[in-house]
Amino acid sequence: MHSTLECLTDWMSRQRWYAGKGRIPELAEVARDEWPCADPDARIVVLLVRDMANNPPSLYHVPLVLRTTIPRGSGRTFIGRDENDDYLFDAAHDETYTHELLARLGVQRADESSRVHTGEQSNTSIIFDAGGDAPLVVKLFRLVHAGENPDVVLQTALTSVGNRSVPRMLGSLEATWVDPLGSHTHSDEPSTGHIAFAQEFVPGVRDGWPLALEAAAADESWADDAERLGRVTAEVHTALAECLPSREASLGDIVGFVAGWYQRLAIATSDVPELRELRPAIEAVYDAAREAAWPPLQRIHGDFHLGQVLRRQSGEWLLVDFEGEPLRPLAERARVDSPLRDIAGMLRSFDYVVGSLRNTGAPGGAGAMLDDVARASWARAARGAFLEGYASASGLDLAAHQSLLDAFELDKAVYEAMYEARNRPSWLPIPLAAVAALAAPERAAHR
């Protein structure tokens, strides 16, 4: 038998949502909340634990169900046995916990049967789609931050104005804790942050990434889908600008953006020697963007790519996962930003579709793409259609902001090069080709 934290140490290191891959967690309990439940054999304990093995230390949300016996069929959710002879289980799979969770989210259902989505990475999604009630999904944030999570704030705002390009929000849940060792100020003041939310679950949708990959592999035009996606992206940006703060970019804002680009480039050139000879040309793109006209800053998606969009069976697009980059500080993700960052993220995603086919090989068959020329043509058409759809729906003259859009896309490609060099060296040619193209002198002549 082990303490609760000892049980969690081994179990957490094997979970997809654990961010400290390759490290052994060093856990400290920050907060413990025991929820009432009707099952006499069960206790619901919701823990917030600080992982000191990560730098900076990460705060995790770990709901547990403690039982005196092991119910039939629950072995796959078993975590361990603690010093009090209680058997610990992952609460996301236990209806005792999910019943109470729905109640705290203010959601009522006749059939509360649920299942855990197996493909989730940084969070855990619990799907309720049995019975005659409208299906819904509850997302448990595993990494918790003090403050309002953008995934909740932005989608709630869009739901409030009737935007149907995001799943409808149904409720959210916060936790409060005191953790002086985990804060920058070492304050004893309580912190509050989101730990879960409920929203509409849309059945029958497909992820944008495999859809684009299949089309590219078969050399089928994806221009219509990309154009519709551009329109929806613009409509969501417009709605966010209307219902949440937006403002003109100040000189301080612009300097801050450019400084961030330069900082990432300095780090990347130390990891990716191939970037060093391109550095003067990259910096020239950044300098040109500093002098360019900037559209207003507003709240944006923040981590936009084909894996963050879903296509309904009717062909309409949904945008999901507005949390931003989960490893960035929440304060950064909650700031106004440039909508061009989202546009650049999607443009890079189209390039990755054809780059991944080159790396892994297209599926066999007569319709498979045969050469790099066809791949480049597919990506160029998808990119152009997306930009056309965005411009037509937003009224934003993207051609007038080409130098700035290039800078955002170049910054993204530099980051990708650093990531691939560290994690997937065989994929490094994909972002390197983009960096070279965006920094090329002939590209500058057309800005």
Foldseek 3Di string as FASTA:
>chain_A
DAAPVVLVQVVLQPALQNPPPPDGFDKDWWDWDWDDFDDPFKTKIWTWIWGVVDVVIWIFIFIKIWGQDQDPPQVVQWRQAHPVNTTIGRCLQPLRNQVVVCVQFVHDDPDSDWDWDPPDGNWIKIWDDDDDDFIKIKIFHTTKAFDEFQQVVLQQLCLVVPNPQAFHWRGWDKDKTADLVNDPNSDRDITMTTGMTMTGDAPPKDFQQVVLLQCLQLLHAPLVLLLLVLQSQLVSVVSQVVRFPKFAQDLVNLVVVLVVLVVLLVVLCVLDVVCPVLVVLLVVLSVVLSPAHADIWGQHLAQAERRQWIAHPVGHIHGHRSRHPVPDHSVVNPDTGGSLLNLLNHLLRLLVSLLVCVLPPRDDDPSGDDDPVSSVVNSVSSSVSSVVSNCVNNVDDVLSNVSNSLSSNLSVLSNVLSVCSVPPVSSNVSSVVSNCVSSPPVNVVSD
